[in-house]
Amino acid sequence: MDGFESYLQNLLDSVAALPPLLLWFFFAFSNFAENVFPPWPGDTVTVFGGFLVARENSGFGILALVTSTFFGNLAGAWVMYSFGNRFLHWLKHKDFPFKSELYDEEAIHKTLNWFSRNSVLVVIFSRFSAGIRFFVSIVAGMVHMRPIAFFSYFSLAVLLWCGLLIYAGFYLGSNWEKVLEFLNLYNKIITFLLIAAGLIFVAYRWKTYRVSEKNKQKEN
């Protein structure tokens, strides 16, 4: 067990001894933090919550865990959605070093248009990947996705994903840490697939660009 895992285990042991009201705020904060600070191990804490509920003497029930998880996620998503709503305007009108190299308005609009067309699927399935869920709320705000639509789909995704984590922690009981082994492997696979898809996309765009340049040269 490395230093961070040891620290996390000690933290969770301390959390287990908290009164139910403080536990509610802890799990709400954990899910809030996961949305605004991706390194926070939100999935781990949620699985631990399922284990905690399974303990008969914990005094912390399933309803408390579900509501704290749900509202914590909504609060975090709202913060990042609001940030995204203002970020693109700031980026467009703010002068900063290397802006011309970094700010490609055409590429940004193509990306945002793609998100707008696929927003429902992206919002729902992003919850199942720790690598992209942080960015989706920001991009949803950038494209001005209707708040009622975004938070409806986001809520559905939270209930599905966090429900699975809570059930796994509850079902496995004292063996809840086995879920973490699966999550570690799962996230590695998803990350690999995302990187591979990104590389394929870049290669495709580069090939398209080269073909376009050659055609221009022939026309000239």
Protein backbone atom coordinates (compact mmCIF):
# COMPACT_ATOMS: atom_id res chain seq x y z
CA MET A 1 0.00 0.00 0.00
CA ASP A 2 1.58 3.30 -1.09
CA GLY A 3 1.42 6.54 0.85
CA PHE A 4 -1.71 7.88 -0.80
CA GLU A 5 -3.64 4.63 -0.37
CA SER A 6 -2.57 4.48 3.26
CA TYR A 7 -3.70 8.06 3.79
CA LEU A 8 -7.01 7.38 2.08
CA GLN A 9 -7.62 4.28 4.19
CA ASN A 10 -6.93 6.23 7.38
CA LEU A 11 -9.27 8.97 6.19
CA LEU A 12 -12.07 6.51 5.49
CA ASP A 13 -11.56 4.83 8.88
CA SER A 14 -11.96 8.25 10.50
CA VAL A 15 -15.02 9.01 8.37
CA ALA A 16 -16.72 5.80 9.49
CA ALA A 17 -16.74 7.11 13.05
CA LEU A 18 -18.53 10.37 12.16
CA PRO A 19 -22.15 11.08 13.19
CA PRO A 20 -24.74 10.48 10.40
CA LEU A 21 -25.23 14.20 9.66
CA LEU A 22 -21.50 14.77 9.16
CA LEU A 23 -21.35 11.62 7.06
CA TRP A 24 -24.02 13.09 4.78
CA PHE A 25 -22.00 16.25 4.29
CA PHE A 26 -18.80 14.25 3.75
CA PHE A 27 -20.28 12.17 0.93
CA ALA A 28 -21.91 15.26 -0.58
CA PHE A 29 -18.56 17.06 -0.47
CA SER A 30 -16.76 14.05 -1.95
CA ASN A 31 -19.05 13.97 -4.98
CA PHE A 32 -18.88 17.74 -5.32
CA ALA A 33 -15.06 17.63 -5.22
CA GLU A 34 -14.92 14.87 -7.82
CA ASN A 35 -16.62 17.17 -10.33
CA VAL A 36 -14.39 20.21 -9.73
CA PHE A 37 -11.11 18.48 -8.80
CA PRO A 38 -10.72 15.25 -10.84
CA PRO A 39 -7.83 13.75 -8.80
CA TRP A 40 -10.22 13.40 -5.85
CA PRO A 41 -11.05 9.64 -5.55
CA GLY A 42 -14.83 10.10 -5.69
CA ASP A 43 -15.63 6.60 -6.94
CA THR A 44 -13.59 5.05 -4.12
CA VAL A 45 -15.44 7.07 -1.50
CA THR A 46 -18.82 6.18 -3.03
CA VAL A 47 -18.03 2.45 -2.98
CA PHE A 48 -16.92 2.83 0.63
CA GLY A 49 -20.28 4.47 1.32
CA GLY A 50 -22.04 1.32 0.12
CA PHE A 51 -19.94 -0.75 2.52
CA LEU A 52 -20.71 1.67 5.35
CA VAL A 53 -24.45 1.39 4.74
CA ALA A 54 -24.15 -2.40 4.90
CA ARG A 55 -22.84 -2.17 8.46
CA GLU A 56 -25.84 -2.54 10.76
CA ASN A 57 -24.35 -0.31 13.45
CA SER A 58 -23.27 2.54 11.16
CA GLY A 59 -26.45 4.58 11.64
CA PHE A 60 -26.10 5.79 8.05
CA GLY A 61 -28.85 4.58 5.71
CA ILE A 62 -29.11 4.04 1.97
CA LEU A 63 -31.39 7.08 1.50
CA ALA A 64 -28.84 9.36 3.16
CA LEU A 65 -26.04 8.00 0.96
CA VAL A 66 -28.05 8.30 -2.26
CA THR A 67 -29.22 11.86 -1.56
CA SER A 68 -25.79 13.09 -0.47
CA THR A 69 -24.19 11.51 -3.54
CA PHE A 70 -26.85 12.90 -5.85
CA PHE A 71 -26.90 16.49 -4.57
CA GLY A 72 -23.11 16.63 -4.27
CA ASN A 73 -22.78 15.68 -7.93
CA LEU A 74 -25.40 18.20 -9.02
CA ALA A 75 -23.68 21.01 -7.09
CA GLY A 76 -20.29 20.19 -8.62
CA ALA A 77 -21.74 19.91 -12.12
CA TRP A 78 -23.49 23.26 -11.72
CA VAL A 79 -20.24 24.98 -10.78
CA MET A 80 -18.42 23.58 -13.82
CA TYR A 81 -21.39 24.19 -16.15
CA SER A 82 -21.46 27.84 -15.04
CA PHE A 83 -17.71 28.07 -15.56
CA GLY A 84 -18.02 26.67 -19.08
CA ASN A 85 -20.83 29.10 -19.81
CA ARG A 86 -18.44 32.01 -19.28
CA PHE A 87 -15.11 30.48 -20.29
CA LEU A 88 -15.49 30.56 -24.08
CA HIS A 89 -16.48 34.24 -24.01
CA TRP A 90 -13.45 34.99 -21.82
CA LEU A 91 -11.15 32.98 -24.07
CA LYS A 92 -12.37 34.76 -27.19
CA HIS A 93 -11.96 38.29 -25.85
CA LYS A 94 -8.95 37.87 -23.57
CA ASP A 95 -5.44 38.56 -24.86
CA PHE A 96 -2.76 36.19 -23.63
CA PRO A 97 0.64 34.91 -24.89
CA PHE A 98 0.49 32.50 -27.86
CA LYS A 99 -3.25 33.05 -28.28
CA SER A 100 -3.00 32.80 -32.06
CA GLU A 101 -1.31 29.40 -31.75
CA LEU A 102 -3.62 28.04 -29.05
CA TYR A 103 -6.98 29.52 -29.99
CA ASP A 104 -8.26 27.96 -33.21
CA GLU A 105 -11.83 29.27 -33.45
CA GLU A 106 -12.78 27.05 -36.38
CA ALA A 107 -11.59 23.88 -34.62
CA ILE A 108 -13.32 24.93 -31.40
CA HIS A 109 -16.63 25.50 -33.18
CA LYS A 110 -16.38 22.14 -34.96
CA THR A 111 -15.83 20.44 -31.61
CA LEU A 112 -18.70 22.30 -29.98
CA ASN A 113 -21.03 21.52 -32.89
CA TRP A 114 -20.15 17.84 -32.60
CA PHE A 115 -20.90 17.97 -28.87
CA SER A 116 -24.24 19.69 -29.52
CA ARG A 117 -25.28 16.93 -31.93
CA ASN A 118 -24.27 14.14 -29.55
CA SER A 119 -24.81 15.86 -26.20
CA VAL A 120 -27.31 13.35 -24.78
CA LEU A 121 -25.07 10.31 -25.28
CA VAL A 122 -21.93 12.19 -24.25
CA VAL A 123 -23.44 13.47 -20.99
CA ILE A 124 -24.81 10.05 -20.02
CA PHE A 125 -21.81 7.91 -20.92
CA SER A 126 -19.18 10.39 -19.70
CA ARG A 127 -20.21 9.53 -16.14
CA PHE A 128 -18.84 6.04 -16.73
CA SER A 129 -15.34 7.37 -17.40
CA ALA A 130 -13.32 9.24 -14.80
CA GLY A 131 -11.10 10.56 -17.59
CA ILE A 132 -13.74 12.69 -19.35
CA ARG A 133 -16.57 13.34 -16.88
CA PHE A 134 -14.81 16.44 -15.54
CA PHE A 135 -14.82 18.15 -18.96
CA VAL A 136 -18.38 17.38 -20.02
CA SER A 137 -20.05 19.83 -17.65
CA ILE A 138 -17.68 22.55 -18.87
CA VAL A 139 -18.34 21.84 -22.54
CA ALA A 140 -22.11 21.64 -21.91
CA GLY A 141 -21.89 25.15 -20.49
CA MET A 142 -19.76 26.32 -23.42
CA VAL A 143 -22.36 25.18 -25.98
CA HIS A 144 -25.17 26.62 -23.82
CA MET A 145 -26.90 23.27 -23.58
CA ARG A 146 -30.30 23.86 -21.99
CA PRO A 147 -29.82 23.50 -18.21
CA ILE A 148 -32.98 21.40 -17.76
CA ALA A 149 -31.79 18.98 -20.45
CA PHE A 150 -28.21 18.81 -19.18
CA PHE A 151 -29.13 18.22 -15.55
CA SER A 152 -31.82 15.70 -16.46
CA TYR A 153 -29.38 13.54 -18.40
CA PHE A 154 -26.64 14.18 -15.87
CA SER A 155 -28.93 13.08 -13.03
CA LEU A 156 -29.79 9.88 -14.89
CA ALA A 157 -26.09 9.15 -15.41
CA VAL A 158 -25.31 9.80 -11.73
CA LEU A 159 -28.09 7.48 -10.57
CA LEU A 160 -26.88 4.71 -12.89
CA TRP A 161 -23.14 4.92 -12.20
CA CYS A 162 -23.20 5.80 -8.50
CA GLY A 163 -26.00 3.30 -7.98
CA LEU A 164 -23.73 0.57 -9.34
CA LEU A 165 -20.87 1.68 -7.08
CA ILE A 166 -23.08 1.83 -3.99
CA TYR A 167 -24.59 -1.57 -4.74
CA ALA A 168 -21.12 -3.09 -5.26
CA GLY A 169 -19.85 -1.70 -1.96
CA PHE A 170 -22.99 -2.85 -0.15
CA TYR A 171 -22.99 -6.32 -1.71
CA LEU A 172 -19.29 -7.03 -1.12
CA GLY A 173 -19.33 -5.64 2.44
CA SER A 174 -15.90 -5.91 4.05
CA ASN A 175 -14.46 -6.93 0.67
CA TRP A 176 -15.46 -3.58 -0.86
CA GLU A 177 -11.85 -2.85 -1.83
CA LYS A 178 -12.09 -5.54 -4.51
CA VAL A 179 -14.29 -3.11 -6.43
CA LEU A 180 -11.32 -0.73 -6.55
CA GLU A 181 -9.23 -3.34 -8.32
CA PHE A 182 -11.93 -3.62 -10.98
CA LEU A 183 -12.26 0.19 -11.24
CA ASN A 184 -8.50 0.53 -11.67
CA LEU A 185 -8.49 -1.96 -14.56
CA TYR A 186 -11.69 -0.48 -16.01
CA ASN A 187 -10.32 3.08 -16.00
CA LYS A 188 -7.07 1.93 -17.61
CA ILE A 189 -8.99 0.25 -20.43
CA ILE A 190 -11.23 3.29 -20.96
CA THR A 191 -8.23 5.63 -20.90
CA PHE A 192 -6.40 3.46 -23.45
CA LEU A 193 -9.45 3.45 -25.74
CA LEU A 194 -9.84 7.23 -25.45
CA ILE A 195 -6.16 7.82 -26.24
CA ALA A 196 -6.34 5.40 -29.18
CA ALA A 197 -9.46 7.13 -30.51
CA GLY A 198 -7.77 10.52 -30.11
CA LEU A 199 -4.67 9.37 -32.00
CA ILE A 200 -6.78 7.90 -34.80
CA PHE A 201 -8.73 11.15 -35.04
CA VAL A 202 -5.54 13.24 -35.19
CA ALA A 203 -4.05 10.92 -37.81
CA TYR A 204 -7.25 11.16 -39.87
CA ARG A 205 -7.29 14.96 -39.67
CA TRP A 206 -3.61 15.12 -40.61
CA LYS A 207 -4.15 12.82 -43.58
CA THR A 208 -7.14 14.90 -44.70
CA TYR A 209 -5.06 18.06 -44.38
CA ARG A 210 -2.20 16.58 -46.45
CA VAL A 211 -4.60 15.45 -49.18
CA SER A 212 -6.20 18.91 -49.22
CA GLU A 213 -2.79 20.59 -49.53
CA LYS A 214 -1.76 18.30 -52.38
CA ASN A 215 -4.99 19.04 -54.23
CA LYS A 216 -4.40 22.78 -53.82
CA GLN A 217 -0.88 22.41 -55.20
CA LYS A 218 -2.19 20.53 -58.24
CA GLU A 219 -4.79 23.22 -58.89
CA ASN A 220 -2.07 25.87 -58.76
